[in-house]
Amino acid sequence: MQKRNWLVTGVGSGLGRAIAEAALGAGHTVVGTVRSEGDLRGFEELEPGRAHGRLLEVTDDGAVSKVIAEAERDVGPLDVVVANAGYGLEGTFEETPLDEVRRQFEVNVFGAMATLQAALPYMRRRRRGHLMAVTSMGGLMAVPGMSAYCGSKFALEGVLEALGKEVAQFGIHVTAIEPGSFRTDWAGRSMTRAERTVDDYDELFEPIRAARRKASGNQPGDPARAGDAVVHIASVDRPPAHLVLGSDALRLVTAARTAVDEDIRAWETLSRTTDFAESARP
């Protein structure tokens, strides 16, 4: 396998850490961003000389550009960039304050966009590279109580699909990584939970919130295997535009896409009535 330079945001824990560890284990060099000095030291101790930690808040566009530029200068040309940093925001749509929704989009959408946009000019000039972002199975299907999170991931999915079509001409690949439930802190200490204020949602939402808390630490997905899968697709000539990870994600995403297809078919006749009549066309 050709040794490459990677940059992964959010390597302090979770899937970001697993992806970085898998890349290091395969002999690659990784620039990993974290938010604390302790996480920075811990990351660099994984592989001294090949694990390069950088402090970064992905919502600071200028800082993102600076980290990418420094990595290109000090570590070498970035071959793979993974925009992973993000978090979950749980709460029904009505109960979730808009300022919390905006923060969710700032991190999950604009933070990822800033990372990919800062790396793109270097890859475009070299006519090669692989841009990835961790979205979620929640970017292809939605569940009650996660409207802000799913909305942010659906938005990122759209960005990545359009981006992939723009940069394919330059030899640059774009992949959306869509994990299901993995055994990380995502549903535990890393989850932000909106305050409950409307009793009408108790019957629907309280069991969902309780089940998510109970499942934390017992999810079916193995982060290390997810990291290996991401490293694998970076090594193939024709990597996927979408990489769904986990049997639960496969099941739920397939069901959601089937439901959309069924709606389209069921209402196809009505959909066709909204075109101009042939006689009215110039």
C-alpha atoms as a PDB file:
ATOM      1  CA  MET A   1       0.000   0.000   0.000  1.00  0.00           C
ATOM      2  CA  GLN A   2       1.276   3.442  -0.920  1.00  0.00           C
ATOM      3  CA  LYS A   3       2.005   5.509   2.184  1.00  0.00           C
ATOM      4  CA  ARG A   4      -0.061   8.678   2.301  1.00  0.00           C
ATOM      5  CA  ASN A   5      -0.501  11.809   4.362  1.00  0.00           C
ATOM      6  CA  TRP A   6      -3.877  12.043   6.082  1.00  0.00           C
ATOM      7  CA  LEU A   7      -5.632  14.822   7.973  1.00  0.00           C
ATOM      8  CA  VAL A   8      -8.504  13.832  10.254  1.00  0.00           C
ATOM      9  CA  THR A   9     -10.476  16.278  12.397  1.00  0.00           C
ATOM     10  CA  GLY A  10     -11.732  15.281  15.820  1.00  0.00           C
ATOM     11  CA  VAL A  11      -9.277  12.493  16.689  1.00  0.00           C
ATOM     12  CA  GLY A  12      -9.618  12.865  20.444  1.00  0.00           C
ATOM     13  CA  SER A  13     -12.166  10.054  20.600  1.00  0.00           C
ATOM     14  CA  GLY A  14     -14.817   8.156  18.693  1.00  0.00           C
ATOM     15  CA  LEU A  15     -14.704   7.359  15.003  1.00  0.00           C
ATOM     16  CA  GLY A  16     -12.179  10.104  14.328  1.00  0.00           C
ATOM     17  CA  ARG A  17      -9.727   8.437  16.684  1.00  0.00           C
ATOM     18  CA  ALA A  18     -10.472   5.009  15.185  1.00  0.00           C
ATOM     19  CA  ILE A  19      -9.899   6.258  11.634  1.00  0.00           C
ATOM     20  CA  ALA A  20      -6.645   7.944  12.631  1.00  0.00           C
ATOM     21  CA  GLU A  21      -5.416   4.830  14.455  1.00  0.00           C
ATOM     22  CA  ALA A  22      -6.263   2.628  11.478  1.00  0.00           C
ATOM     23  CA  ALA A  23      -4.378   4.942   9.130  1.00  0.00           C
ATOM     24  CA  LEU A  24      -1.368   5.001  11.456  1.00  0.00           C
ATOM     25  CA  GLY A  25      -1.532   1.235  11.779  1.00  0.00           C
ATOM     26  CA  ALA A  26      -1.363   0.944   8.002  1.00  0.00           C
ATOM     27  CA  GLY A  27       1.848   2.984   7.984  1.00  0.00           C
ATOM     28  CA  HIS A  28       0.394   6.332   6.941  1.00  0.00           C
ATOM     29  CA  THR A  29       1.191   9.722   8.451  1.00  0.00           C
ATOM     30  CA  VAL A  30      -1.742  11.466  10.150  1.00  0.00           C
ATOM     31  CA  VAL A  31      -2.341  15.056  11.135  1.00  0.00           C
ATOM     32  CA  GLY A  32      -5.084  14.832  13.743  1.00  0.00           C
ATOM     33  CA  THR A  33      -6.973  17.774  15.172  1.00  0.00           C
ATOM     34  CA  VAL A  34      -8.134  17.925  18.782  1.00  0.00           C
ATOM     35  CA  ARG A  35      -9.512  20.526  21.157  1.00  0.00           C
ATOM     36  CA  SER A  36      -7.256  20.097  24.202  1.00  0.00           C
ATOM     37  CA  GLU A  37      -3.548  19.875  24.966  1.00  0.00           C
ATOM     38  CA  GLY A  38      -4.069  16.562  26.739  1.00  0.00           C
ATOM     39  CA  ASP A  39      -5.694  14.995  23.680  1.00  0.00           C
ATOM     40  CA  LEU A  40      -2.923  16.425  21.491  1.00  0.00           C
ATOM     41  CA  ARG A  41      -0.188  14.782  23.548  1.00  0.00           C
ATOM     42  CA  GLY A  42      -2.106  11.523  23.758  1.00  0.00           C
ATOM     43  CA  PHE A  43      -2.535  11.413  20.004  1.00  0.00           C
ATOM     44  CA  GLU A  44       1.099  12.165  19.192  1.00  0.00           C
ATOM     45  CA  GLU A  45       2.233   9.430  21.588  1.00  0.00           C
ATOM     46  CA  LEU A  46       0.450   6.846  19.418  1.00  0.00           C
ATOM     47  CA  GLU A  47       3.138   7.014  16.733  1.00  0.00           C
ATOM     48  CA  PRO A  48       5.852   9.612  17.404  1.00  0.00           C
ATOM     49  CA  GLY A  49       6.967  11.117  14.116  1.00  0.00           C
ATOM     50  CA  ARG A  50       3.887   9.998  12.179  1.00  0.00           C
ATOM     51  CA  ALA A  51       1.073  11.243  14.442  1.00  0.00           C
ATOM     52  CA  HIS A  52       0.983  15.042  14.332  1.00  0.00           C
ATOM     53  CA  GLY A  53      -1.515  16.690  16.667  1.00  0.00           C
ATOM     54  CA  ARG A  54      -3.001  20.112  16.039  1.00  0.00           C
ATOM     55  CA  LEU A  55      -5.320  22.147  18.241  1.00  0.00           C
ATOM     56  CA  LEU A  56      -8.362  23.250  16.265  1.00  0.00           C
ATOM     57  CA  GLU A  57     -11.890  24.529  16.672  1.00  0.00           C
ATOM     58  CA  VAL A  58     -13.501  23.670  13.336  1.00  0.00           C
ATOM     59  CA  THR A  59     -15.968  26.563  13.563  1.00  0.00           C
ATOM     60  CA  ASP A  60     -13.039  29.002  13.244  1.00  0.00           C
ATOM     61  CA  ASP A  61     -12.626  29.233   9.464  1.00  0.00           C
ATOM     62  CA  GLY A  62      -9.304  31.053   9.669  1.00  0.00           C
ATOM     63  CA  ALA A  63      -7.859  28.511  12.068  1.00  0.00           C
ATOM     64  CA  VAL A  64      -8.979  25.666   9.800  1.00  0.00           C
ATOM     65  CA  SER A  65      -7.224  27.218   6.799  1.00  0.00           C
ATOM     66  CA  LYS A  66      -4.095  27.814   8.873  1.00  0.00           C
ATOM     67  CA  VAL A  67      -3.931  24.191  10.079  1.00  0.00           C
ATOM     68  CA  ILE A  68      -4.353  22.863   6.537  1.00  0.00           C
ATOM     69  CA  ALA A  69      -1.656  25.209   5.197  1.00  0.00           C
ATOM     70  CA  GLU A  70       0.755  24.286   7.996  1.00  0.00           C
ATOM     71  CA  ALA A  71       0.152  20.580   7.432  1.00  0.00           C
ATOM     72  CA  GLU A  72       0.878  20.960   3.715  1.00  0.00           C
ATOM     73  CA  ARG A  73       4.069  22.859   4.502  1.00  0.00           C
ATOM     74  CA  ASP A  74       5.410  20.954   7.502  1.00  0.00           C
ATOM     75  CA  VAL A  75       4.127  17.393   7.039  1.00  0.00           C
ATOM     76  CA  GLY A  76       3.703  17.140   3.293  1.00  0.00           C
ATOM     77  CA  PRO A  77       1.019  17.093   0.608  1.00  0.00           C
ATOM     78  CA  LEU A  78      -2.279  15.880   2.046  1.00  0.00           C
ATOM     79  CA  ASP A  79      -3.592  12.881   0.140  1.00  0.00           C
ATOM     80  CA  VAL A  80      -6.655  12.124   2.285  1.00  0.00           C
ATOM     81  CA  VAL A  81      -8.696  14.583   4.346  1.00  0.00           C
ATOM     82  CA  VAL A  82     -11.472  13.347   6.632  1.00  0.00           C
ATOM     83  CA  ALA A  83     -13.844  15.956   8.085  1.00  0.00           C
ATOM     84  CA  ASN A  84     -15.014  13.999  11.104  1.00  0.00           C
ATOM     85  CA  ALA A  85     -15.513  16.540  13.891  1.00  0.00           C
ATOM     86  CA  GLY A  86     -19.135  16.779  14.962  1.00  0.00           C
ATOM     87  CA  TYR A  87     -21.594  15.951  17.717  1.00  0.00           C
ATOM     88  CA  GLY A  88     -25.187  14.894  18.293  1.00  0.00           C
ATOM     89  CA  LEU A  89     -28.049  17.139  19.403  1.00  0.00           C
ATOM     90  CA  GLU A  90     -31.077  15.280  20.711  1.00  0.00           C
ATOM     91  CA  GLY A  91     -34.511  16.838  21.123  1.00  0.00           C
ATOM     92  CA  THR A  92     -37.868  17.121  19.431  1.00  0.00           C
ATOM     93  CA  PHE A  93     -38.138  19.824  16.807  1.00  0.00           C
ATOM     94  CA  GLU A  94     -40.511  21.983  18.872  1.00  0.00           C
ATOM     95  CA  GLU A  95     -38.393  21.761  22.017  1.00  0.00           C
ATOM     96  CA  THR A  96     -34.976  22.422  20.498  1.00  0.00           C
ATOM     97  CA  PRO A  97     -33.930  26.108  20.747  1.00  0.00           C
ATOM     98  CA  LEU A  98     -32.844  27.600  17.443  1.00  0.00           C
ATOM     99  CA  ASP A  99     -29.526  28.780  18.874  1.00  0.00           C
ATOM    100  CA  GLU A 100     -28.704  25.136  19.619  1.00  0.00           C
ATOM    101  CA  VAL A 101     -29.729  24.175  16.085  1.00  0.00           C
ATOM    102  CA  ARG A 102     -27.460  26.869  14.660  1.00  0.00           C
ATOM    103  CA  ARG A 103     -24.543  25.588  16.740  1.00  0.00           C
ATOM    104  CA  GLN A 104     -25.252  22.070  15.461  1.00  0.00           C
ATOM    105  CA  PHE A 105     -25.026  23.269  11.858  1.00  0.00           C
ATOM    106  CA  GLU A 106     -21.952  25.401  12.581  1.00  0.00           C
ATOM    107  CA  VAL A 107     -20.012  22.339  13.719  1.00  0.00           C
ATOM    108  CA  ASN A 108     -21.499  19.501  11.668  1.00  0.00           C
ATOM    109  CA  VAL A 109     -21.965  21.343   8.373  1.00  0.00           C
ATOM    110  CA  PHE A 110     -19.869  24.500   8.225  1.00  0.00           C
ATOM    111  CA  GLY A 111     -16.958  22.986  10.155  1.00  0.00           C
ATOM    112  CA  ALA A 112     -16.811  20.117   7.663  1.00  0.00           C
ATOM    113  CA  MET A 113     -17.202  22.466   4.707  1.00  0.00           C
ATOM    114  CA  ALA A 114     -14.392  24.699   5.983  1.00  0.00           C
ATOM    115  CA  THR A 115     -12.087  21.694   6.310  1.00  0.00           C
ATOM    116  CA  LEU A 116     -12.770  20.361   2.829  1.00  0.00           C
ATOM    117  CA  GLN A 117     -12.747  23.803   1.212  1.00  0.00           C
ATOM    118  CA  ALA A 118      -9.346  24.625   2.757  1.00  0.00           C
ATOM    119  CA  ALA A 119      -7.810  21.359   1.504  1.00  0.00           C
ATOM    120  CA  LEU A 120      -9.352  21.409  -1.963  1.00  0.00           C
ATOM    121  CA  PRO A 121      -7.086  23.967  -3.710  1.00  0.00           C
ATOM    122  CA  TYR A 122      -3.976  21.924  -2.883  1.00  0.00           C
ATOM    123  CA  MET A 123      -5.528  18.733  -4.211  1.00  0.00           C
ATOM    124  CA  ARG A 124      -6.905  20.478  -7.284  1.00  0.00           C
ATOM    125  CA  ARG A 125      -3.484  21.805  -8.217  1.00  0.00           C
ATOM    126  CA  ARG A 126      -2.015  18.313  -7.817  1.00  0.00           C
ATOM    127  CA  ARG A 127      -4.960  16.731  -9.689  1.00  0.00           C
ATOM    128  CA  ARG A 128      -5.380  14.048  -7.052  1.00  0.00           C
ATOM    129  CA  GLY A 129      -6.690  13.463  -3.552  1.00  0.00           C
ATOM    130  CA  HIS A 130      -9.549  12.035  -1.531  1.00  0.00           C
ATOM    131  CA  LEU A 131     -11.950  14.194   0.461  1.00  0.00           C
ATOM    132  CA  MET A 132     -14.194  12.466   2.998  1.00  0.00           C
ATOM    133  CA  ALA A 133     -16.654  13.553   5.644  1.00  0.00           C
ATOM    134  CA  VAL A 134     -18.377  11.565   8.343  1.00  0.00           C
ATOM    135  CA  THR A 135     -22.089  12.146   8.012  1.00  0.00           C
ATOM    136  CA  SER A 136     -24.313   9.449   9.537  1.00  0.00           C
ATOM    137  CA  MET A 137     -27.009   6.974   8.677  1.00  0.00           C
ATOM    138  CA  GLY A 138     -28.995   9.979   9.932  1.00  0.00           C
ATOM    139  CA  GLY A 139     -27.980  11.773   6.756  1.00  0.00           C
ATOM    140  CA  LEU A 140     -29.980   9.272   4.679  1.00  0.00           C
ATOM    141  CA  MET A 141     -32.862   8.581   7.077  1.00  0.00           C
ATOM    142  CA  ALA A 142     -34.378  10.392  10.038  1.00  0.00           C
ATOM    143  CA  VAL A 143     -35.740   9.417  13.428  1.00  0.00           C
ATOM    144  CA  PRO A 144     -37.963  11.287  15.919  1.00  0.00           C
ATOM    145  CA  GLY A 145     -36.097  13.480  18.348  1.00  0.00           C
ATOM    146  CA  MET A 146     -33.073  14.098  16.126  1.00  0.00           C
ATOM    147  CA  SER A 147     -34.348  16.734  13.706  1.00  0.00           C
ATOM    148  CA  ALA A 148     -31.411  19.112  14.155  1.00  0.00           C
ATOM    149  CA  TYR A 149     -28.797  16.378  13.934  1.00  0.00           C
ATOM    150  CA  CYS A 150     -30.386  14.631  10.957  1.00  0.00           C
ATOM    151  CA  GLY A 151     -30.953  17.989   9.286  1.00  0.00           C
ATOM    152  CA  SER A 152     -27.262  18.827   9.604  1.00  0.00           C
ATOM    153  CA  LYS A 153     -26.231  15.455   8.206  1.00  0.00           C
ATOM    154  CA  PHE A 154     -28.737  15.606   5.324  1.00  0.00           C
ATOM    155  CA  ALA A 155     -27.259  19.023   4.481  1.00  0.00           C
ATOM    156  CA  LEU A 156     -23.715  17.659   4.527  1.00  0.00           C
ATOM    157  CA  GLU A 157     -24.779  14.774   2.273  1.00  0.00           C
ATOM    158  CA  GLY A 158     -26.003  17.277  -0.327  1.00  0.00           C
ATOM    159  CA  VAL A 159     -22.768  19.259  -0.139  1.00  0.00           C
ATOM    160  CA  LEU A 160     -20.662  16.140  -0.642  1.00  0.00           C
ATOM    161  CA  GLU A 161     -22.703  14.823  -3.558  1.00  0.00           C
ATOM    162  CA  ALA A 162     -22.458  18.126  -5.419  1.00  0.00           C
ATOM    163  CA  LEU A 163     -18.768  18.499  -4.536  1.00  0.00           C
ATOM    164  CA  GLY A 164     -17.980  15.038  -5.870  1.00  0.00           C
ATOM    165  CA  LYS A 165     -19.482  15.920  -9.228  1.00  0.00           C
ATOM    166  CA  GLU A 166     -17.499  19.161  -9.370  1.00  0.00           C
ATOM    167  CA  VAL A 167     -14.060  17.750  -8.604  1.00  0.00           C
ATOM    168  CA  ALA A 168     -14.138  14.370 -10.349  1.00  0.00           C
ATOM    169  CA  GLN A 169     -12.630  16.123 -13.390  1.00  0.00           C
ATOM    170  CA  PHE A 170      -9.522  16.855 -11.290  1.00  0.00           C
ATOM    171  CA  GLY A 171      -8.963  13.268 -10.197  1.00  0.00           C
ATOM    172  CA  ILE A 172     -10.287  14.009  -6.695  1.00  0.00           C
ATOM    173  CA  HIS A 173     -12.587  11.499  -4.994  1.00  0.00           C
ATOM    174  CA  VAL A 174     -15.306  12.459  -2.506  1.00  0.00           C
ATOM    175  CA  THR A 175     -16.858  10.004  -0.049  1.00  0.00           C
ATOM    176  CA  ALA A 176     -19.646  10.409   2.486  1.00  0.00           C
ATOM    177  CA  ILE A 177     -19.074   8.023   5.393  1.00  0.00           C
ATOM    178  CA  GLU A 178     -22.447   7.019   6.888  1.00  0.00           C
ATOM    179  CA  PRO A 179     -22.002   5.125  10.160  1.00  0.00           C
ATOM    180  CA  GLY A 180     -24.768   3.494  12.110  1.00  0.00           C
ATOM    181  CA  SER A 181     -24.557   2.933  15.881  1.00  0.00           C
ATOM    182  CA  PHE A 182     -20.946   2.445  16.957  1.00  0.00           C
ATOM    183  CA  ARG A 183     -19.550   1.847  20.430  1.00  0.00           C
ATOM    184  CA  THR A 184     -18.301   5.379  21.045  1.00  0.00           C
ATOM    185  CA  ASP A 185     -19.304   8.206  23.406  1.00  0.00           C
ATOM    186  CA  TRP A 186     -21.590   9.743  20.757  1.00  0.00           C
ATOM    187  CA  ALA A 187     -24.818   8.762  22.548  1.00  0.00           C
ATOM    188  CA  GLY A 188     -23.306   9.242  26.005  1.00  0.00           C
ATOM    189  CA  ARG A 189     -21.224  12.147  27.261  1.00  0.00           C
ATOM    190  CA  SER A 190     -20.802  13.589  23.757  1.00  0.00           C
ATOM    191  CA  MET A 191     -24.542  13.982  23.193  1.00  0.00           C
ATOM    192  CA  THR A 192     -26.156  17.379  23.785  1.00  0.00           C
ATOM    193  CA  ARG A 193     -29.759  17.011  24.946  1.00  0.00           C
ATOM    194  CA  ALA A 194     -32.346  19.753  24.635  1.00  0.00           C
ATOM    195  CA  GLU A 195     -34.420  20.416  27.743  1.00  0.00           C
ATOM    196  CA  ARG A 196     -37.866  18.830  27.800  1.00  0.00           C
ATOM    197  CA  THR A 197     -40.636  21.463  27.890  1.00  0.00           C
ATOM    198  CA  VAL A 198     -43.724  19.997  26.166  1.00  0.00           C
ATOM    199  CA  ASP A 199     -45.545  17.116  27.872  1.00  0.00           C
ATOM    200  CA  ASP A 200     -47.378  16.149  24.685  1.00  0.00           C
ATOM    201  CA  TYR A 201     -44.198  14.476  23.402  1.00  0.00           C
ATOM    202  CA  ASP A 202     -43.644  12.307  26.491  1.00  0.00           C
ATOM    203  CA  GLU A 203     -45.254   9.150  25.148  1.00  0.00           C
ATOM    204  CA  LEU A 204     -43.310   9.254  21.894  1.00  0.00           C
ATOM    205  CA  PHE A 205     -39.984  10.641  22.965  1.00  0.00           C
ATOM    206  CA  GLU A 206     -39.218   9.525  26.517  1.00  0.00           C
ATOM    207  CA  PRO A 207     -38.850   5.834  25.536  1.00  0.00           C
ATOM    208  CA  ILE A 208     -36.558   6.871  22.645  1.00  0.00           C
ATOM    209  CA  ARG A 209     -34.349   8.960  24.929  1.00  0.00           C
ATOM    210  CA  ALA A 210     -34.209   6.209  27.543  1.00  0.00           C
ATOM    211  CA  ALA A 211     -33.366   3.536  24.958  1.00  0.00           C
ATOM    212  CA  ARG A 212     -30.557   5.657  23.525  1.00  0.00           C
ATOM    213  CA  ARG A 213     -29.025   6.165  26.962  1.00  0.00           C
ATOM    214  CA  LYS A 214     -29.321   2.440  27.724  1.00  0.00           C
ATOM    215  CA  ALA A 215     -27.731   1.487  24.400  1.00  0.00           C
ATOM    216  CA  SER A 216     -24.713   3.751  24.924  1.00  0.00           C
ATOM    217  CA  GLY A 217     -21.696   1.484  25.269  1.00  0.00           C
ATOM    218  CA  ASN A 218     -23.555  -1.495  23.824  1.00  0.00           C
ATOM    219  CA  GLN A 219     -23.900  -0.457  20.192  1.00  0.00           C
ATOM    220  CA  PRO A 220     -23.238  -3.142  17.560  1.00  0.00           C
ATOM    221  CA  GLY A 221     -20.595  -1.216  15.606  1.00  0.00           C
ATOM    222  CA  ASP A 222     -16.869  -1.721  16.252  1.00  0.00           C
ATOM    223  CA  PRO A 223     -15.020   1.605  15.756  1.00  0.00           C
ATOM    224  CA  ALA A 224     -11.742  -0.142  14.924  1.00  0.00           C
ATOM    225  CA  ARG A 225     -13.376  -2.046  12.076  1.00  0.00           C
ATOM    226  CA  ALA A 226     -14.951   1.171  10.830  1.00  0.00           C
ATOM    227  CA  GLY A 227     -11.488   2.733  10.788  1.00  0.00           C
ATOM    228  CA  ASP A 228     -10.139  -0.194   8.784  1.00  0.00           C
ATOM    229  CA  ALA A 229     -12.990   0.168   6.276  1.00  0.00           C
ATOM    230  CA  VAL A 230     -12.241   3.861   5.748  1.00  0.00           C
ATOM    231  CA  VAL A 231      -8.531   3.172   5.255  1.00  0.00           C
ATOM    232  CA  HIS A 232      -9.421   0.447   2.759  1.00  0.00           C
ATOM    233  CA  ILE A 233     -11.554   2.684   0.520  1.00  0.00           C
ATOM    234  CA  ALA A 234      -8.751   5.254   0.463  1.00  0.00           C
ATOM    235  CA  SER A 235      -6.553   2.617  -1.194  1.00  0.00           C
ATOM    236  CA  VAL A 236      -8.842   1.592  -4.074  1.00  0.00           C
ATOM    237  CA  ASP A 237      -8.903   3.149  -7.529  1.00  0.00           C
ATOM    238  CA  ARG A 238     -12.649   3.774  -7.552  1.00  0.00           C
ATOM    239  CA  PRO A 239     -13.795   4.531  -4.002  1.00  0.00           C
ATOM    240  CA  PRO A 240     -17.527   4.850  -3.273  1.00  0.00           C
ATOM    241  CA  ALA A 241     -19.375   8.142  -3.074  1.00  0.00           C
ATOM    242  CA  HIS A 242     -21.298   6.657  -0.146  1.00  0.00           C
ATOM    243  CA  LEU A 243     -19.940   4.260   2.475  1.00  0.00           C
ATOM    244  CA  VAL A 244     -22.645   2.965   4.821  1.00  0.00           C
ATOM    245  CA  LEU A 245     -21.074   1.342   7.899  1.00  0.00           C
ATOM    246  CA  GLY A 246     -22.870  -1.133  10.131  1.00  0.00           C
ATOM    247  CA  SER A 247     -25.648  -3.678   9.718  1.00  0.00           C
ATOM    248  CA  ASP A 248     -28.131  -1.408  11.504  1.00  0.00           C
ATOM    249  CA  ALA A 249     -27.321   1.438   9.117  1.00  0.00           C
ATOM    250  CA  LEU A 250     -27.814  -0.841   6.116  1.00  0.00           C
ATOM    251  CA  ARG A 251     -31.213  -1.945   7.411  1.00  0.00           C
ATOM    252  CA  LEU A 252     -32.518   1.491   8.364  1.00  0.00           C
ATOM    253  CA  VAL A 253     -31.173   3.357   5.334  1.00  0.00           C
ATOM    254  CA  THR A 254     -32.550   0.716   2.971  1.00  0.00           C
ATOM    255  CA  ALA A 255     -35.991   0.955   4.610  1.00  0.00           C
ATOM    256  CA  ALA A 256     -35.958   4.759   4.429  1.00  0.00           C
ATOM    257  CA  ARG A 257     -34.982   4.814   0.764  1.00  0.00           C
ATOM    258  CA  THR A 258     -37.660   2.224  -0.026  1.00  0.00           C
ATOM    259  CA  ALA A 259     -40.265   4.438   1.659  1.00  0.00           C
ATOM    260  CA  VAL A 260     -39.193   7.412  -0.472  1.00  0.00           C
ATOM    261  CA  ASP A 261     -39.339   5.307  -3.648  1.00  0.00           C
ATOM    262  CA  GLU A 262     -42.835   4.128  -2.715  1.00  0.00           C
ATOM    263  CA  ASP A 263     -44.027   7.725  -2.207  1.00  0.00           C
ATOM    264  CA  ILE A 264     -42.610   8.741  -5.585  1.00  0.00           C
ATOM    265  CA  ARG A 265     -44.344   5.857  -7.337  1.00  0.00           C
ATOM    266  CA  ALA A 266     -47.634   6.367  -5.508  1.00  0.00           C
ATOM    267  CA  TRP A 267     -47.844  10.034  -6.458  1.00  0.00           C
ATOM    268  CA  GLU A 268     -46.196   9.877  -9.878  1.00  0.00           C
ATOM    269  CA  THR A 269     -49.404  10.790 -11.720  1.00  0.00           C
ATOM    270  CA  LEU A 270     -49.956  13.916  -9.652  1.00  0.00           C
ATOM    271  CA  SER A 271     -46.277  14.848  -9.986  1.00  0.00           C
ATOM    272  CA  ARG A 272     -46.612  14.852 -13.769  1.00  0.00           C
ATOM    273  CA  THR A 273     -49.615  17.233 -13.725  1.00  0.00           C
ATOM    274  CA  THR A 274     -47.436  20.198 -12.710  1.00  0.00           C
ATOM    275  CA  ASP A 275     -45.633  20.563 -16.060  1.00  0.00           C
ATOM    276  CA  PHE A 276     -46.819  23.131 -18.579  1.00  0.00           C
ATOM    277  CA  ALA A 277     -49.232  21.611 -21.070  1.00  0.00           C
ATOM    278  CA  GLU A 278     -47.575  20.784 -24.410  1.00  0.00           C
ATOM    279  CA  SER A 279     -49.746  23.374 -26.201  1.00  0.00           C
ATOM    280  CA  ALA A 280     -48.489  26.114 -23.903  1.00  0.00           C
ATOM    281  CA  ARG A 281     -44.803  25.412 -24.543  1.00  0.00           C
ATOM    282  CA  PRO A 282     -42.987  27.695 -27.022  1.00  0.00           C
END
